Amino acid sequence: MALSIEERYDEVRQLITMGKEKGYLLYEEVNDMLPSEISSSDELDDIFSMFGSMGIEVVDSEQKFREKAETEEGAELDLTPGALDKTNDPVRMYLREMGTVPLLTREGEVEIAKRIESGKKAVMRTVSRTPMASQEVNRLGERLFAGEISVREVVVFNEEEVTEDKVESKIRETLKLIHKVNEAHKAYGTNRAKSKRRFHIPPACSSPRCRS
């Protein structure tokens, strides 16, 4: 099992301890203490998300933290361009760039989810039509029929309560479907062989008669 960032780096644990004691961390503190191995945006995003989940705010200065604490609830830290000084520090650069990216709207999230689902279905259609997929399905059918595997390893049960009768019924239904897949695969192979013979082109002839 992969270790979390907190478990991998002592520096991150030290920052968490400091942040819990004060209630906040300074960007400068985070940048100075983070190990050089952490430089990717994904890791930085994980670290700042972890700070947020622990109630640790990361601010530009202690004064800004105290001012924010006195403002109305819900005020957000300004991460727009110019809010942070220009710097080559990776943490500040990441935060400055993050502030320029607009957040997804509800409609945008739905659209992305639809595109992901559509892509998954397209991949499944492509994979399921390959000879290797039908061979794998047939192999699972043989193992299921022989009792080497359970039907629960092959299909998903939607029912909350699964009885022995339902299991037996699902096995018969699954084996019938696998048989249809196998028959379709055989028919595909036969038709493909016929097509090859129909459009067969003889090899080039090297005899002088062929060139005359």
N, C-alpha and C. Protein backbone atom coordinates (compact mmCIF):
# COMPACT_ATOMS: atom_id res chain seq x y z
N MET A 1 0.85 -1.20 0.00
CA MET A 1 0.00 0.00 0.00
C MET A 1 0.88 1.24 0.00
N ALA A 2 0.60 2.17 -0.89
CA ALA A 2 1.43 3.37 -1.04
C ALA A 2 1.28 4.27 0.19
N LEU A 3 2.40 4.86 0.62
CA LEU A 3 2.39 5.76 1.75
C LEU A 3 1.88 7.12 1.33
N SER A 4 1.21 7.81 2.24
CA SER A 4 0.74 9.16 1.96
C SER A 4 1.91 10.12 2.02
N ILE A 5 1.69 11.34 1.53
CA ILE A 5 2.75 12.35 1.55
C ILE A 5 3.16 12.64 2.99
N GLU A 6 2.19 12.67 3.88
CA GLU A 6 2.48 12.93 5.29
C GLU A 6 3.38 11.86 5.87
N GLU A 7 3.16 10.61 5.46
CA GLU A 7 3.96 9.51 5.97
C GLU A 7 5.35 9.47 5.35
N ARG A 8 5.47 9.97 4.12
CA ARG A 8 6.76 9.89 3.42
C ARG A 8 7.75 10.97 3.85
N TYR A 9 7.25 12.12 4.26
CA TYR A 9 8.15 13.24 4.50
C TYR A 9 8.00 13.78 5.93
N ASP A 10 9.12 13.83 6.66
CA ASP A 10 9.11 14.40 8.00
C ASP A 10 8.76 15.89 7.96
N GLU A 11 9.20 16.57 6.90
CA GLU A 11 8.97 18.02 6.79
C GLU A 11 7.47 18.33 6.74
N VAL A 12 6.72 17.47 6.05
CA VAL A 12 5.27 17.69 5.95
C VAL A 12 4.63 17.50 7.32
N ARG A 13 5.09 16.51 8.06
CA ARG A 13 4.55 16.29 9.40
C ARG A 13 4.87 17.48 10.32
N GLN A 14 6.05 18.04 10.16
CA GLN A 14 6.42 19.21 10.96
C GLN A 14 5.53 20.41 10.62
N LEU A 15 5.25 20.58 9.34
CA LEU A 15 4.36 21.68 8.93
C LEU A 15 2.97 21.49 9.50
N ILE A 16 2.49 20.25 9.51
CA ILE A 16 1.16 19.98 10.07
C ILE A 16 1.13 20.31 11.55
N THR A 17 2.18 19.94 12.27
CA THR A 17 2.26 20.25 13.70
C THR A 17 2.25 21.75 13.94
N MET A 18 3.07 22.48 13.16
CA MET A 18 3.10 23.93 13.28
C MET A 18 1.75 24.55 12.95
N GLY A 19 1.14 24.05 11.88
CA GLY A 19 -0.14 24.61 11.46
C GLY A 19 -1.24 24.39 12.47
N LYS A 20 -1.24 23.22 13.11
CA LYS A 20 -2.27 22.94 14.12
C LYS A 20 -2.07 23.80 15.36
N GLU A 21 -0.82 24.10 15.69
CA GLU A 21 -0.54 24.93 16.87
C GLU A 21 -0.97 26.38 16.64
N LYS A 22 -0.68 26.91 15.44
CA LYS A 22 -0.99 28.31 15.16
C LYS A 22 -2.34 28.51 14.50
N GLY A 23 -2.81 27.46 13.80
CA GLY A 23 -4.06 27.60 13.04
C GLY A 23 -3.81 28.04 11.62
N TYR A 24 -2.56 28.31 11.30
CA TYR A 24 -2.23 28.75 9.94
C TYR A 24 -0.76 28.47 9.67
N LEU A 25 -0.39 28.57 8.39
CA LEU A 25 1.01 28.48 7.96
C LEU A 25 1.26 29.61 6.97
N LEU A 26 2.47 30.09 6.95
CA LEU A 26 2.86 31.10 5.97
C LEU A 26 3.38 30.41 4.71
N TYR A 27 3.13 31.03 3.56
CA TYR A 27 3.67 30.49 2.31
C TYR A 27 5.17 30.32 2.40
N GLU A 28 5.81 31.29 3.04
CA GLU A 28 7.26 31.24 3.16
C GLU A 28 7.71 30.02 3.98
N GLU A 29 6.95 29.72 5.03
CA GLU A 29 7.28 28.55 5.86
C GLU A 29 7.12 27.26 5.06
N VAL A 30 6.01 27.19 4.33
CA VAL A 30 5.76 26.00 3.52
C VAL A 30 6.84 25.83 2.48
N ASN A 31 7.19 26.91 1.80
CA ASN A 31 8.18 26.84 0.74
C ASN A 31 9.56 26.47 1.27
N ASP A 32 9.90 27.01 2.45
CA ASP A 32 11.23 26.75 3.02
C ASP A 32 11.35 25.31 3.53
N MET A 33 10.26 24.76 4.05
CA MET A 33 10.34 23.46 4.70
C MET A 33 10.03 22.28 3.79
N LEU A 34 9.30 22.53 2.70
CA LEU A 34 8.97 21.40 1.83
C LEU A 34 10.24 20.83 1.20
N PRO A 35 10.36 19.53 1.18
CA PRO A 35 11.55 18.92 0.55
C PRO A 35 11.58 19.18 -0.94
N SER A 36 12.78 19.21 -1.49
CA SER A 36 12.94 19.51 -2.92
C SER A 36 12.31 18.44 -3.80
N GLU A 37 12.11 17.24 -3.24
CA GLU A 37 11.51 16.16 -4.05
C GLU A 37 10.07 16.46 -4.43
N ILE A 38 9.42 17.32 -3.65
CA ILE A 38 8.03 17.68 -3.95
C ILE A 38 8.03 18.90 -4.86
N SER A 39 7.71 18.70 -6.11
CA SER A 39 7.71 19.81 -7.06
C SER A 39 6.56 19.76 -8.05
N SER A 40 5.89 18.61 -8.17
CA SER A 40 4.79 18.49 -9.14
C SER A 40 3.54 19.17 -8.61
N SER A 41 2.71 19.64 -9.53
CA SER A 41 1.48 20.32 -9.13
C SER A 41 0.52 19.37 -8.42
N ASP A 42 0.51 18.11 -8.79
CA ASP A 42 -0.38 17.14 -8.15
C ASP A 42 -0.03 16.97 -6.68
N GLU A 43 1.27 16.85 -6.38
CA GLU A 43 1.70 16.69 -4.99
C GLU A 43 1.41 17.95 -4.18
N LEU A 44 1.67 19.11 -4.78
CA LEU A 44 1.39 20.36 -4.08
C LEU A 44 -0.10 20.51 -3.82
N ASP A 45 -0.89 20.11 -4.80
CA ASP A 45 -2.34 20.18 -4.63
C ASP A 45 -2.79 19.28 -3.49
N ASP A 46 -2.22 18.08 -3.43
CA ASP A 46 -2.55 17.15 -2.35
C ASP A 46 -2.18 17.73 -0.99
N ILE A 47 -1.02 18.37 -0.92
CA ILE A 47 -0.56 18.92 0.36
C ILE A 47 -1.47 20.05 0.83
N PHE A 48 -1.82 20.96 -0.09
CA PHE A 48 -2.67 22.08 0.32
C PHE A 48 -4.09 21.62 0.61
N SER A 49 -4.56 20.59 -0.08
CA SER A 49 -5.87 20.03 0.24
C SER A 49 -5.85 19.40 1.62
N MET A 50 -4.74 18.74 1.94
CA MET A 50 -4.60 18.12 3.26
C MET A 50 -4.59 19.19 4.35
N PHE A 51 -3.87 20.28 4.11
CA PHE A 51 -3.87 21.38 5.08
C PHE A 51 -5.29 21.89 5.30
N GLY A 52 -6.02 22.08 4.19
CA GLY A 52 -7.38 22.60 4.29
C GLY A 52 -8.29 21.67 5.06
N SER A 53 -8.15 20.37 4.83
CA SER A 53 -9.00 19.39 5.54
C SER A 53 -8.70 19.36 7.03
N MET A 54 -7.49 19.79 7.40
CA MET A 54 -7.11 19.81 8.82
C MET A 54 -7.38 21.16 9.46
N GLY A 55 -7.98 22.08 8.69
CA GLY A 55 -8.29 23.39 9.23
C GLY A 55 -7.09 24.31 9.31
N ILE A 56 -6.05 24.00 8.54
CA ILE A 56 -4.84 24.82 8.53
C ILE A 56 -4.87 25.72 7.30
N GLU A 57 -4.93 27.03 7.53
CA GLU A 57 -4.91 27.97 6.42
C GLU A 57 -3.48 28.34 6.05
N VAL A 58 -3.25 28.55 4.77
CA VAL A 58 -1.94 28.98 4.30
C VAL A 58 -2.09 30.41 3.79
N VAL A 59 -1.40 31.35 4.42
CA VAL A 59 -1.56 32.77 4.09
C VAL A 59 -0.21 33.41 3.81
N ASP A 60 -0.28 34.61 3.27
CA ASP A 60 0.93 35.32 2.88
C ASP A 60 1.63 35.93 4.08
N SER A 61 0.86 36.30 5.10
CA SER A 61 1.46 36.90 6.30
C SER A 61 0.54 36.68 7.49
N GLU A 62 1.11 36.80 8.70
CA GLU A 62 0.32 36.64 9.92
C GLU A 62 -0.75 37.72 10.01
N GLN A 63 -0.42 38.92 9.55
CA GLN A 63 -1.37 40.02 9.58
C GLN A 63 -2.57 39.71 8.70
N LYS A 64 -2.30 39.13 7.54
CA LYS A 64 -3.40 38.80 6.63
C LYS A 64 -4.30 37.74 7.24
N PHE A 65 -3.70 36.81 7.97
CA PHE A 65 -4.50 35.77 8.63
C PHE A 65 -5.42 36.39 9.68
N ARG A 66 -4.87 37.33 10.47
CA ARG A 66 -5.67 37.96 11.52
C ARG A 66 -6.76 38.83 10.92
N GLU A 67 -6.45 39.50 9.80
CA GLU A 67 -7.46 40.32 9.14
C GLU A 67 -8.58 39.45 8.59
N LYS A 68 -8.19 38.32 8.06
CA LYS A 68 -9.20 37.41 7.52
C LYS A 68 -10.09 36.87 8.61
N ALA A 69 -9.50 36.60 9.78
CA ALA A 69 -10.28 36.06 10.90
C ALA A 69 -11.31 37.06 11.38
N GLU A 70 -11.06 38.34 11.15
CA GLU A 70 -11.98 39.38 11.61
C GLU A 70 -13.05 39.71 10.58
N THR A 71 -12.87 39.25 9.35
CA THR A 71 -13.85 39.55 8.30
C THR A 71 -15.01 38.59 8.38
N GLU A 72 -15.98 38.81 7.53
CA GLU A 72 -17.17 37.95 7.52
C GLU A 72 -16.80 36.53 7.15
N GLU A 73 -17.55 35.59 7.66
CA GLU A 73 -17.31 34.18 7.39
C GLU A 73 -17.55 33.91 5.92
N GLY A 74 -16.62 33.18 5.31
CA GLY A 74 -16.76 32.85 3.89
C GLY A 74 -15.83 33.65 3.01
N ALA A 75 -15.12 34.65 3.57
CA ALA A 75 -14.17 35.39 2.76
C ALA A 75 -13.06 34.46 2.32
N GLU A 76 -12.63 34.59 1.08
CA GLU A 76 -11.63 33.69 0.52
C GLU A 76 -10.29 34.38 0.36
N LEU A 77 -9.25 33.61 0.44
CA LEU A 77 -7.90 34.11 0.21
C LEU A 77 -7.74 34.51 -1.23
N ASP A 78 -7.22 35.71 -1.45
CA ASP A 78 -7.06 36.21 -2.81
C ASP A 78 -5.85 35.55 -3.46
N LEU A 79 -6.12 34.73 -4.47
CA LEU A 79 -5.05 34.05 -5.19
C LEU A 79 -4.95 34.52 -6.63
N THR A 80 -5.57 35.66 -6.93
CA THR A 80 -5.53 36.18 -8.29
C THR A 80 -4.13 36.68 -8.61
N PRO A 81 -3.78 36.79 -9.92
CA PRO A 81 -2.45 37.28 -10.28
C PRO A 81 -2.18 38.64 -9.66
N GLY A 82 -1.04 38.79 -9.06
CA GLY A 82 -0.69 40.04 -8.43
C GLY A 82 -0.87 40.01 -6.93
N ALA A 83 -1.73 39.06 -6.46
CA ALA A 83 -1.93 38.96 -5.02
C ALA A 83 -0.69 38.42 -4.33
N LEU A 84 0.06 37.60 -5.04
CA LEU A 84 1.31 37.07 -4.52
C LEU A 84 2.47 37.69 -5.27
N ASP A 85 3.53 37.96 -4.56
CA ASP A 85 4.70 38.54 -5.20
C ASP A 85 5.26 37.59 -6.24
N LYS A 86 5.80 38.15 -7.30
CA LYS A 86 6.43 37.33 -8.33
C LYS A 86 7.65 36.65 -7.73
N THR A 87 7.77 35.37 -7.98
CA THR A 87 8.86 34.60 -7.38
C THR A 87 9.11 33.37 -8.21
N ASN A 88 10.27 32.78 -8.01
CA ASN A 88 10.59 31.52 -8.67
C ASN A 88 10.34 30.33 -7.75
N ASP A 89 9.86 30.59 -6.52
CA ASP A 89 9.56 29.50 -5.60
C ASP A 89 8.43 28.65 -6.17
N PRO A 90 8.58 27.33 -6.21
CA PRO A 90 7.56 26.49 -6.82
C PRO A 90 6.20 26.58 -6.15
N VAL A 91 6.16 26.74 -4.83
CA VAL A 91 4.88 26.82 -4.13
C VAL A 91 4.12 28.07 -4.54
N ARG A 92 4.81 29.19 -4.50
CA ARG A 92 4.14 30.44 -4.86
C ARG A 92 3.76 30.47 -6.34
N MET A 93 4.62 29.92 -7.18
CA MET A 93 4.31 29.87 -8.61
C MET A 93 3.05 29.03 -8.83
N TYR A 94 2.98 27.92 -8.10
CA TYR A 94 1.80 27.05 -8.25
C TYR A 94 0.54 27.76 -7.81
N LEU A 95 0.59 28.43 -6.67
CA LEU A 95 -0.58 29.13 -6.16
C LEU A 95 -0.99 30.27 -7.08
N ARG A 96 0.00 30.97 -7.63
CA ARG A 96 -0.32 32.07 -8.53
C ARG A 96 -1.00 31.57 -9.79
N GLU A 97 -0.49 30.45 -10.34
CA GLU A 97 -1.10 29.87 -11.53
C GLU A 97 -2.47 29.30 -11.23
N MET A 98 -2.61 28.68 -10.04
CA MET A 98 -3.89 28.10 -9.67
C MET A 98 -4.98 29.17 -9.58
N GLY A 99 -4.59 30.37 -9.16
CA GLY A 99 -5.56 31.45 -9.05
C GLY A 99 -6.07 31.94 -10.38
N THR A 100 -5.36 31.64 -11.47
CA THR A 100 -5.79 32.10 -12.79
C THR A 100 -6.73 31.11 -13.47
N VAL A 101 -6.88 29.92 -12.91
CA VAL A 101 -7.72 28.89 -13.53
C VAL A 101 -9.13 28.98 -12.96
N PRO A 102 -10.14 29.21 -13.81
CA PRO A 102 -11.52 29.29 -13.30
C PRO A 102 -12.01 27.95 -12.80
N LEU A 103 -12.80 27.97 -11.75
CA LEU A 103 -13.36 26.75 -11.21
C LEU A 103 -14.45 26.21 -12.12
N LEU A 104 -14.63 24.92 -12.10
CA LEU A 104 -15.68 24.29 -12.91
C LEU A 104 -17.06 24.66 -12.37
N THR A 105 -17.98 24.94 -13.28
CA THR A 105 -19.36 25.14 -12.88
C THR A 105 -20.05 23.78 -12.79
N ARG A 106 -21.27 23.77 -12.27
CA ARG A 106 -22.02 22.53 -12.18
C ARG A 106 -22.26 21.94 -13.56
N GLU A 107 -22.57 22.83 -14.51
CA GLU A 107 -22.80 22.38 -15.89
C GLU A 107 -21.52 21.81 -16.49
N GLY A 108 -20.38 22.44 -16.17
CA GLY A 108 -19.11 21.95 -16.68
C GLY A 108 -18.76 20.58 -16.14
N GLU A 109 -19.05 20.37 -14.85
CA GLU A 109 -18.79 19.06 -14.25
C GLU A 109 -19.65 17.99 -14.90
N VAL A 110 -20.93 18.32 -15.15
CA VAL A 110 -21.84 17.35 -15.79
C VAL A 110 -21.35 17.02 -17.20
N GLU A 111 -20.91 18.04 -17.94
CA GLU A 111 -20.44 17.82 -19.30
C GLU A 111 -19.21 16.93 -19.32
N ILE A 112 -18.27 17.17 -18.41
CA ILE A 112 -17.06 16.35 -18.35
C ILE A 112 -17.42 14.92 -17.96
N ALA A 113 -18.35 14.77 -17.01
CA ALA A 113 -18.77 13.43 -16.60
C ALA A 113 -19.40 12.67 -17.76
N LYS A 114 -20.20 13.39 -18.58
CA LYS A 114 -20.81 12.74 -19.75
C LYS A 114 -19.75 12.31 -20.76
N ARG A 115 -18.74 13.17 -20.96
CA ARG A 115 -17.69 12.83 -21.91
C ARG A 115 -16.87 11.64 -21.42
N ILE A 116 -16.62 11.58 -20.11
CA ILE A 116 -15.88 10.44 -19.55
C ILE A 116 -16.68 9.16 -19.73
N GLU A 117 -17.98 9.22 -19.44
CA GLU A 117 -18.84 8.04 -19.57
C GLU A 117 -18.92 7.60 -21.02
N SER A 118 -19.03 8.58 -21.94
CA SER A 118 -19.07 8.25 -23.36
C SER A 118 -17.77 7.59 -23.81
N GLY A 119 -16.64 8.11 -23.30
CA GLY A 119 -15.35 7.52 -23.65
C GLY A 119 -15.21 6.10 -23.12
N LYS A 120 -15.70 5.86 -21.90
CA LYS A 120 -15.64 4.51 -21.34
C LYS A 120 -16.44 3.54 -22.19
N LYS A 121 -17.65 3.97 -22.61
CA LYS A 121 -18.49 3.10 -23.42
C LYS A 121 -17.84 2.81 -24.77
N ALA A 122 -17.19 3.82 -25.35
CA ALA A 122 -16.52 3.62 -26.64
C ALA A 122 -15.38 2.62 -26.51
N VAL A 123 -14.63 2.73 -25.41
CA VAL A 123 -13.53 1.78 -25.17
C VAL A 123 -14.08 0.38 -24.98
N MET A 124 -15.17 0.26 -24.20
CA MET A 124 -15.77 -1.05 -23.95
C MET A 124 -16.28 -1.68 -25.24
N ARG A 125 -16.89 -0.87 -26.11
CA ARG A 125 -17.38 -1.39 -27.38
C ARG A 125 -16.23 -1.91 -28.23
N THR A 126 -15.15 -1.14 -28.28
CA THR A 126 -13.99 -1.54 -29.09
C THR A 126 -13.35 -2.81 -28.55
N VAL A 127 -13.15 -2.85 -27.24
CA VAL A 127 -12.51 -4.02 -26.63
C VAL A 127 -13.39 -5.25 -26.75
N SER A 128 -14.70 -5.08 -26.53
CA SER A 128 -15.60 -6.24 -26.55
C SER A 128 -15.73 -6.87 -27.93
N ARG A 129 -15.36 -6.15 -28.97
CA ARG A 129 -15.48 -6.69 -30.33
C ARG A 129 -14.20 -7.34 -30.83
N THR A 130 -13.20 -7.41 -29.99
CA THR A 130 -11.94 -8.04 -30.40
C THR A 130 -12.00 -9.54 -30.18
N PRO A 131 -11.29 -10.32 -31.00
CA PRO A 131 -11.25 -11.78 -30.82
C PRO A 131 -10.74 -12.18 -29.44
N MET A 132 -9.79 -11.41 -28.92
CA MET A 132 -9.24 -11.75 -27.60
C MET A 132 -10.31 -11.66 -26.52
N ALA A 133 -11.21 -10.67 -26.64
CA ALA A 133 -12.26 -10.52 -25.64
C ALA A 133 -13.22 -11.70 -25.67
N SER A 134 -13.61 -12.13 -26.87
CA SER A 134 -14.53 -13.27 -26.97
C SER A 134 -13.87 -14.56 -26.48
N GLN A 135 -12.57 -14.69 -26.72
CA GLN A 135 -11.85 -15.86 -26.22
C GLN A 135 -11.81 -15.87 -24.69
N GLU A 136 -11.63 -14.70 -24.10
CA GLU A 136 -11.60 -14.59 -22.65
C GLU A 136 -12.97 -14.90 -22.06
N VAL A 137 -14.03 -14.40 -22.72
CA VAL A 137 -15.39 -14.70 -22.25
C VAL A 137 -15.64 -16.20 -22.31
N ASN A 138 -15.22 -16.85 -23.41
CA ASN A 138 -15.42 -18.29 -23.55
C ASN A 138 -14.63 -19.06 -22.48
N ARG A 139 -13.44 -18.58 -22.16
CA ARG A 139 -12.62 -19.24 -21.13
C ARG A 139 -13.30 -19.12 -19.77
N LEU A 140 -13.89 -17.96 -19.48
CA LEU A 140 -14.61 -17.79 -18.22
C LEU A 140 -15.81 -18.72 -18.15
N GLY A 141 -16.49 -18.89 -19.31
CA GLY A 141 -17.63 -19.79 -19.36
C GLY A 141 -17.23 -21.22 -19.05
N GLU A 142 -16.11 -21.65 -19.59
CA GLU A 142 -15.63 -23.01 -19.34
C GLU A 142 -15.30 -23.21 -17.86
N ARG A 143 -14.66 -22.21 -17.26
CA ARG A 143 -14.31 -22.32 -15.84
C ARG A 143 -15.55 -22.27 -14.96
N LEU A 144 -16.53 -21.44 -15.36
CA LEU A 144 -17.78 -21.36 -14.61
C LEU A 144 -18.54 -22.68 -14.68
N PHE A 145 -18.60 -23.28 -15.88
CA PHE A 145 -19.30 -24.56 -16.06
C PHE A 145 -18.62 -25.67 -15.27
N ALA A 146 -17.30 -25.61 -15.20
CA ALA A 146 -16.55 -26.63 -14.48
C ALA A 146 -16.55 -26.40 -12.97
N GLY A 147 -17.09 -25.28 -12.53
CA GLY A 147 -17.13 -24.98 -11.10
C GLY A 147 -15.84 -24.45 -10.55
N GLU A 148 -14.92 -24.04 -11.42
CA GLU A 148 -13.63 -23.52 -10.95
C GLU A 148 -13.77 -22.11 -10.37
N ILE A 149 -14.75 -21.37 -10.84
CA ILE A 149 -14.99 -20.02 -10.34
C ILE A 149 -16.47 -19.85 -10.03
N SER A 150 -16.78 -18.86 -9.21
CA SER A 150 -18.17 -18.56 -8.86
C SER A 150 -18.76 -17.59 -9.85
N VAL A 151 -20.09 -17.65 -10.01
CA VAL A 151 -20.75 -16.73 -10.92
C VAL A 151 -20.59 -15.29 -10.44
N ARG A 152 -20.36 -15.10 -9.14
CA ARG A 152 -20.15 -13.75 -8.61
C ARG A 152 -18.85 -13.14 -9.13
N GLU A 153 -17.92 -13.97 -9.61
CA GLU A 153 -16.67 -13.47 -10.18
C GLU A 153 -16.83 -13.09 -11.65
N VAL A 154 -17.98 -13.41 -12.21
CA VAL A 154 -18.20 -13.15 -13.63
C VAL A 154 -19.20 -12.02 -13.86
N VAL A 155 -20.27 -11.99 -13.07
CA VAL A 155 -21.31 -10.98 -13.24
C VAL A 155 -21.57 -10.27 -11.92
N VAL A 156 -22.31 -9.17 -12.02
CA VAL A 156 -22.66 -8.37 -10.84
C VAL A 156 -24.13 -8.61 -10.50
N PHE A 157 -24.41 -8.90 -9.26
CA PHE A 157 -25.78 -9.07 -8.81
C PHE A 157 -26.33 -7.72 -8.33
N ASN A 158 -27.46 -7.32 -8.90
CA ASN A 158 -28.09 -6.07 -8.49
C ASN A 158 -29.05 -6.26 -7.31
N GLU A 159 -29.47 -7.50 -7.10
CA GLU A 159 -30.40 -7.77 -6.02
C GLU A 159 -29.70 -7.66 -4.67
N GLU A 160 -30.44 -7.15 -3.68
CA GLU A 160 -29.88 -7.04 -2.34
C GLU A 160 -29.75 -8.42 -1.69
N GLU A 161 -30.76 -9.26 -1.90
CA GLU A 161 -30.75 -10.59 -1.30
C GLU A 161 -30.56 -11.62 -2.41
N VAL A 162 -29.50 -12.39 -2.33
CA VAL A 162 -29.18 -13.38 -3.35
C VAL A 162 -29.37 -14.77 -2.74
N THR A 163 -30.35 -15.50 -3.26
CA THR A 163 -30.61 -16.85 -2.79
C THR A 163 -29.91 -17.86 -3.70
N GLU A 164 -29.93 -19.13 -3.26
CA GLU A 164 -29.32 -20.19 -4.06
C GLU A 164 -30.01 -20.33 -5.40
N ASP A 165 -31.34 -20.18 -5.39
CA ASP A 165 -32.11 -20.29 -6.65
C ASP A 165 -31.69 -19.19 -7.63
N LYS A 166 -31.49 -17.97 -7.09
CA LYS A 166 -31.08 -16.86 -7.95
C LYS A 166 -29.68 -17.10 -8.50
N VAL A 167 -28.83 -17.69 -7.70
CA VAL A 167 -27.46 -17.98 -8.15
C VAL A 167 -27.49 -19.00 -9.28
N GLU A 168 -28.27 -20.07 -9.10
CA GLU A 168 -28.37 -21.10 -10.14
C GLU A 168 -28.96 -20.52 -11.42
N SER A 169 -29.99 -19.68 -11.26
CA SER A 169 -30.61 -19.05 -12.43
C SER A 169 -29.62 -18.15 -13.15
N LYS A 170 -28.82 -17.41 -12.37
CA LYS A 170 -27.83 -16.51 -12.98
C LYS A 170 -26.73 -17.30 -13.69
N ILE A 171 -26.38 -18.46 -13.16
CA ILE A 171 -25.37 -19.29 -13.81
C ILE A 171 -25.87 -19.75 -15.17
N ARG A 172 -27.14 -20.25 -15.21
CA ARG A 172 -27.71 -20.70 -16.48
C ARG A 172 -27.80 -19.56 -17.48
N GLU A 173 -28.25 -18.41 -17.01
CA GLU A 173 -28.38 -17.25 -17.89
C GLU A 173 -27.02 -16.81 -18.43
N THR A 174 -26.03 -16.81 -17.55
CA THR A 174 -24.68 -16.39 -17.96
C THR A 174 -24.08 -17.35 -18.97
N LEU A 175 -24.26 -18.64 -18.75
CA LEU A 175 -23.71 -19.63 -19.67
C LEU A 175 -24.38 -19.54 -21.05
N LYS A 176 -25.68 -19.23 -21.06
CA LYS A 176 -26.37 -19.04 -22.34
C LYS A 176 -25.80 -17.85 -23.10
N LEU A 177 -25.58 -16.77 -22.38
CA LEU A 177 -25.02 -15.57 -23.03
C LEU A 177 -23.60 -15.82 -23.53
N ILE A 178 -22.82 -16.54 -22.74
CA ILE A 178 -21.45 -16.86 -23.15
C ILE A 178 -21.48 -17.76 -24.39
N HIS A 179 -22.45 -18.67 -24.44
CA HIS A 179 -22.59 -19.54 -25.62
C HIS A 179 -22.89 -18.70 -26.86
N LYS A 180 -23.75 -17.69 -26.71
CA LYS A 180 -24.06 -16.81 -27.85
C LYS A 180 -22.82 -16.05 -28.31
N VAL A 181 -22.03 -15.59 -27.34
CA VAL A 181 -20.79 -14.89 -27.69
C VAL A 181 -19.86 -15.82 -28.45
N ASN A 182 -19.76 -17.06 -27.99
CA ASN A 182 -18.89 -18.03 -28.64
C ASN A 182 -19.35 -18.33 -30.06
N GLU A 183 -20.67 -18.49 -30.23
CA GLU A 183 -21.21 -18.75 -31.57
C GLU A 183 -20.97 -17.56 -32.49
N ALA A 184 -21.15 -16.36 -31.97
CA ALA A 184 -20.91 -15.16 -32.78
C ALA A 184 -19.45 -15.07 -33.19
N HIS A 185 -18.55 -15.45 -32.28
CA HIS A 185 -17.13 -15.43 -32.59
C HIS A 185 -16.79 -16.44 -33.68
N LYS A 186 -17.41 -17.62 -33.60
CA LYS A 186 -17.18 -18.63 -34.63
C LYS A 186 -17.69 -18.15 -35.98
N ALA A 187 -18.88 -17.55 -35.99
CA ALA A 187 -19.45 -17.04 -37.24
C ALA A 187 -18.57 -15.95 -37.83
N TYR A 188 -18.04 -15.11 -36.95
CA TYR A 188 -17.15 -14.05 -37.41
C TYR A 188 -15.90 -14.64 -38.07
N GLY A 189 -15.34 -15.69 -37.43
CA GLY A 189 -14.15 -16.32 -37.99
C GLY A 189 -14.42 -16.97 -39.33
N THR A 190 -15.61 -17.61 -39.46
CA THR A 190 -15.97 -18.26 -40.73
C THR A 190 -16.15 -17.23 -41.83
N ASN A 191 -16.87 -16.15 -41.54
CA ASN A 191 -17.10 -15.10 -42.54
C ASN A 191 -15.80 -14.42 -42.94
N ARG A 192 -14.91 -14.26 -41.98
CA ARG A 192 -13.63 -13.62 -42.30
C ARG A 192 -12.81 -14.52 -43.22
N ALA A 193 -12.83 -15.83 -42.95
CA ALA A 193 -12.09 -16.76 -43.80
C ALA A 193 -12.65 -16.76 -45.21
N LYS A 194 -13.99 -16.72 -45.34
CA LYS A 194 -14.62 -16.68 -46.65
C LYS A 194 -14.23 -15.41 -47.41
N SER A 195 -14.20 -14.30 -46.68
CA SER A 195 -13.84 -13.03 -47.32
C SER A 195 -12.42 -13.06 -47.84
N LYS A 196 -11.53 -13.69 -47.09
CA LYS A 196 -10.14 -13.78 -47.53
C LYS A 196 -10.03 -14.61 -48.80
N ARG A 197 -10.79 -15.73 -48.85
CA ARG A 197 -10.74 -16.57 -50.04
C ARG A 197 -11.36 -15.87 -51.23
N ARG A 198 -12.42 -15.10 -51.00
CA ARG A 198 -13.11 -14.42 -52.09
C ARG A 198 -12.24 -13.36 -52.74
N PHE A 199 -11.48 -12.66 -51.91
CA PHE A 199 -10.64 -11.57 -52.43
C PHE A 199 -9.18 -11.97 -52.48
N HIS A 200 -8.92 -13.28 -52.58
CA HIS A 200 -7.54 -13.75 -52.60
C HIS A 200 -6.86 -13.33 -53.91
N ILE A 201 -5.69 -12.77 -53.79
CA ILE A 201 -4.90 -12.36 -54.96
C ILE A 201 -3.69 -13.28 -55.04
N PRO A 202 -3.51 -13.99 -56.14
CA PRO A 202 -2.38 -14.92 -56.26
C PRO A 202 -1.06 -14.17 -56.21
N PRO A 203 0.00 -14.81 -55.74
CA PRO A 203 1.31 -14.15 -55.67
C PRO A 203 1.82 -13.82 -57.06
N ALA A 204 2.71 -12.85 -57.12
CA ALA A 204 3.25 -12.42 -58.41
C ALA A 204 4.02 -13.57 -59.06
N CYS A 205 3.86 -13.70 -60.36
CA CYS A 205 4.52 -14.78 -61.10
C CYS A 205 5.87 -14.29 -61.61
N SER A 206 6.90 -15.11 -61.43
CA SER A 206 8.25 -14.73 -61.86
C SER A 206 8.63 -15.38 -63.18
N SER A 207 7.72 -16.18 -63.73
CA SER A 207 8.01 -16.87 -64.99
C SER A 207 8.01 -15.87 -66.15
N PRO A 208 8.84 -16.11 -67.15
CA PRO A 208 8.85 -15.24 -68.33
C PRO A 208 7.50 -15.21 -69.02
N ARG A 209 6.72 -16.29 -68.93
CA ARG A 209 5.39 -16.33 -69.58
C ARG A 209 4.48 -15.27 -68.99
N CYS A 210 4.65 -14.99 -67.66
CA CYS A 210 3.78 -14.01 -67.02
C CYS A 210 4.10 -12.61 -67.50
N ARG A 211 5.33 -12.40 -67.96
CA ARG A 211 5.73 -11.08 -68.39
C ARG A 211 5.49 -10.87 -69.87
N SER A 212 5.11 -11.92 -70.58
CA SER A 212 4.94 -11.78 -72.02
C SER A 212 3.56 -11.27 -72.36
